[in-house]
C-alpha cells in the first residue's frame, strides 16, 4: 500500500497532519484509524472465509 512512499514522504505527511490537527488530536486520530482498519480487516476476513454457493443450475 505504501510501497512508493519513502521516509521523506512520511515525514512530510506527518508534519502536515501535525499542523492541521495539532499535537493533541493526533493520538485520537491514529487510534480511530487503527480501529477502523481493524474492523475493516475483520469484516473482509469473514466474507473471504464464507463458502461460495454453487450455482449448478447455471452451468446446465
N, C-alpha and C. Protein backbone atom coordinates (compact mmCIF):
# COMPACT_ATOMS: atom_id res chain seq x y z
N UNK A 1 0.82 -1.19 0.00
CA UNK A 1 0.00 0.00 0.00
C UNK A 1 0.87 1.26 0.00
N UNK A 2 1.88 1.27 0.85
CA UNK A 2 2.75 2.44 0.95
C UNK A 2 4.13 2.15 0.36
N UNK A 3 4.19 1.33 -0.66
CA UNK A 3 5.47 0.95 -1.23
C UNK A 3 6.18 2.12 -1.89
N UNK A 4 5.46 3.06 -2.45
CA UNK A 4 6.07 4.16 -3.17
C UNK A 4 6.35 5.37 -2.30
N UNK A 5 5.96 5.34 -1.04
CA UNK A 5 6.19 6.48 -0.15
C UNK A 5 7.48 6.20 0.62
N UNK A 6 8.42 7.12 0.49
CA UNK A 6 9.68 6.98 1.21
C UNK A 6 9.61 7.62 2.58
N UNK A 7 10.74 7.62 3.24
CA UNK A 7 10.83 8.21 4.58
C UNK A 7 10.53 9.71 4.52
N UNK A 8 11.06 10.37 3.51
CA UNK A 8 10.81 11.82 3.42
C UNK A 8 9.33 12.11 3.18
N UNK A 9 8.66 11.27 2.41
CA UNK A 9 7.22 11.44 2.19
C UNK A 9 6.42 11.25 3.46
N UNK A 10 6.80 10.26 4.25
CA UNK A 10 6.11 10.03 5.53
C UNK A 10 6.33 11.18 6.50
N UNK A 11 7.53 11.74 6.49
CA UNK A 11 7.81 12.88 7.37
C UNK A 11 6.98 14.10 6.95
N UNK A 12 6.84 14.31 5.64
CA UNK A 12 6.04 15.44 5.16
C UNK A 12 4.57 15.24 5.52
N UNK A 13 4.05 14.03 5.33
CA UNK A 13 2.66 13.74 5.68
C UNK A 13 2.43 13.94 7.17
N UNK A 14 3.36 13.47 8.00
CA UNK A 14 3.23 13.63 9.44
C UNK A 14 3.28 15.10 9.83
N UNK A 15 4.15 15.88 9.20
CA UNK A 15 4.25 17.31 9.52
C UNK A 15 2.97 18.04 9.13
N UNK A 16 2.41 17.71 7.98
CA UNK A 16 1.15 18.35 7.57
C UNK A 16 0.02 17.98 8.53
N UNK A 17 -0.04 16.71 8.92
CA UNK A 17 -1.07 16.29 9.87
C UNK A 17 -0.90 16.99 11.21
N UNK A 18 0.34 17.17 11.63
CA UNK A 18 0.61 17.86 12.89
C UNK A 18 0.16 19.32 12.82
N UNK A 19 0.39 19.95 11.69
CA UNK A 19 -0.02 21.35 11.52
C UNK A 19 -1.54 21.47 11.47
N UNK A 20 -2.18 20.57 10.72
CA UNK A 20 -3.63 20.66 10.52
C UNK A 20 -4.39 20.29 11.79
N UNK A 21 -4.04 19.19 12.41
CA UNK A 21 -4.83 18.68 13.54
C UNK A 21 -4.27 19.07 14.91
N UNK A 22 -3.01 19.38 14.99
CA UNK A 22 -2.41 19.73 16.27
C UNK A 22 -1.96 18.49 17.02
N UNK A 23 -1.04 18.66 17.95
CA UNK A 23 -0.48 17.51 18.65
C UNK A 23 -1.47 16.81 19.59
N UNK A 24 -2.49 17.49 20.03
CA UNK A 24 -3.44 16.87 20.96
C UNK A 24 -4.38 15.89 20.26
N UNK A 25 -4.69 16.13 19.01
CA UNK A 25 -5.65 15.30 18.27
C UNK A 25 -5.02 14.11 17.57
N UNK A 26 -3.70 14.13 17.32
CA UNK A 26 -3.08 13.06 16.55
C UNK A 26 -3.23 11.68 17.18
N UNK A 27 -3.04 11.51 18.49
CA UNK A 27 -3.24 10.16 19.05
C UNK A 27 -4.68 9.66 18.89
N UNK A 28 -5.65 10.55 19.03
CA UNK A 28 -7.05 10.16 18.85
C UNK A 28 -7.32 9.76 17.41
N UNK A 29 -6.78 10.51 16.47
CA UNK A 29 -6.97 10.20 15.06
C UNK A 29 -6.29 8.88 14.70
N UNK A 30 -5.11 8.65 15.21
CA UNK A 30 -4.41 7.39 14.96
C UNK A 30 -5.16 6.20 15.52
N UNK A 31 -5.70 6.35 16.71
CA UNK A 31 -6.47 5.28 17.34
C UNK A 31 -7.74 4.99 16.54
N UNK A 32 -8.43 6.04 16.11
CA UNK A 32 -9.64 5.86 15.31
C UNK A 32 -9.32 5.20 13.97
N UNK A 33 -8.23 5.61 13.35
CA UNK A 33 -7.82 4.99 12.08
C UNK A 33 -7.49 3.51 12.28
N UNK A 34 -6.79 3.19 13.36
CA UNK A 34 -6.45 1.80 13.65
C UNK A 34 -7.68 0.96 13.92
N UNK A 35 -8.62 1.50 14.68
CA UNK A 35 -9.87 0.77 14.95
C UNK A 35 -10.66 0.53 13.67
N UNK A 36 -10.71 1.53 12.81
CA UNK A 36 -11.42 1.39 11.54
C UNK A 36 -10.76 0.35 10.66
N UNK A 37 -9.44 0.39 10.57
CA UNK A 37 -8.71 -0.58 9.77
C UNK A 37 -8.89 -1.99 10.31
N UNK A 38 -8.86 -2.15 11.62
CA UNK A 38 -9.04 -3.46 12.24
C UNK A 38 -10.44 -4.00 11.96
N UNK A 39 -11.45 -3.15 12.07
CA UNK A 39 -12.84 -3.58 11.81
C UNK A 39 -13.01 -3.96 10.33
N UNK A 40 -12.41 -3.18 9.44
CA UNK A 40 -12.48 -3.50 8.01
C UNK A 40 -11.82 -4.84 7.72
N UNK A 41 -10.66 -5.07 8.31
CA UNK A 41 -9.95 -6.34 8.11
C UNK A 41 -10.77 -7.52 8.63
N UNK A 42 -11.36 -7.36 9.81
CA UNK A 42 -12.19 -8.44 10.37
C UNK A 42 -13.41 -8.71 9.50
N UNK A 43 -14.00 -7.67 8.96
CA UNK A 43 -15.18 -7.83 8.10
C UNK A 43 -14.82 -8.54 6.80
N UNK A 44 -13.72 -8.14 6.19
CA UNK A 44 -13.34 -8.77 4.93
C UNK A 44 -12.87 -10.19 5.15
N UNK A 45 -12.29 -10.48 6.29
CA UNK A 45 -11.86 -11.85 6.60
C UNK A 45 -13.09 -12.74 6.72
N UNK A 46 -14.14 -12.23 7.35
CA UNK A 46 -15.37 -13.01 7.49
C UNK A 46 -16.01 -13.29 6.15
N UNK A 47 -15.94 -12.34 5.23
CA UNK A 47 -16.51 -12.54 3.90
C UNK A 47 -15.68 -13.54 3.12
N UNK A 48 -14.37 -13.45 3.23
CA UNK A 48 -13.49 -14.34 2.48
C UNK A 48 -13.58 -15.78 3.00
N UNK A 49 -13.89 -15.96 4.27
CA UNK A 49 -13.97 -17.31 4.84
C UNK A 49 -15.29 -18.00 4.54
N UNK A 50 -16.33 -17.24 4.16
CA UNK A 50 -17.62 -17.85 3.86
C UNK A 50 -17.52 -18.67 2.58
N UNK A 51 -18.08 -19.88 2.58
CA UNK A 51 -18.05 -20.67 1.36
C UNK A 51 -18.96 -20.04 0.30
N UNK A 52 -18.53 -20.09 -0.93
CA UNK A 52 -19.29 -19.54 -2.03
C UNK A 52 -20.36 -20.54 -2.44
N UNK A 53 -21.59 -20.08 -2.65
CA UNK A 53 -22.65 -21.01 -3.07
C UNK A 53 -22.38 -21.48 -4.51
N UNK A 54 -22.69 -22.73 -4.75
CA UNK A 54 -22.50 -23.29 -6.08
C UNK A 54 -23.77 -23.10 -6.88
N UNK A 55 -23.63 -22.53 -8.04
CA UNK A 55 -24.78 -22.32 -8.93
C UNK A 55 -24.76 -23.37 -10.02
N UNK A 56 -25.05 -24.61 -9.64
CA UNK A 56 -25.02 -25.71 -10.60
C UNK A 56 -26.10 -25.54 -11.67
N UNK A 57 -27.22 -24.94 -11.32
CA UNK A 57 -28.28 -24.79 -12.29
C UNK A 57 -27.90 -23.82 -13.41
N UNK A 58 -26.93 -22.95 -13.17
CA UNK A 58 -26.48 -22.03 -14.21
C UNK A 58 -25.56 -22.71 -15.22
N UNK A 59 -24.89 -23.79 -14.77
CA UNK A 59 -23.97 -24.48 -15.64
C UNK A 59 -24.65 -25.41 -16.62
N UNK A 60 -25.88 -25.80 -16.34
CA UNK A 60 -26.59 -26.78 -17.20
C UNK A 60 -27.24 -26.14 -18.36
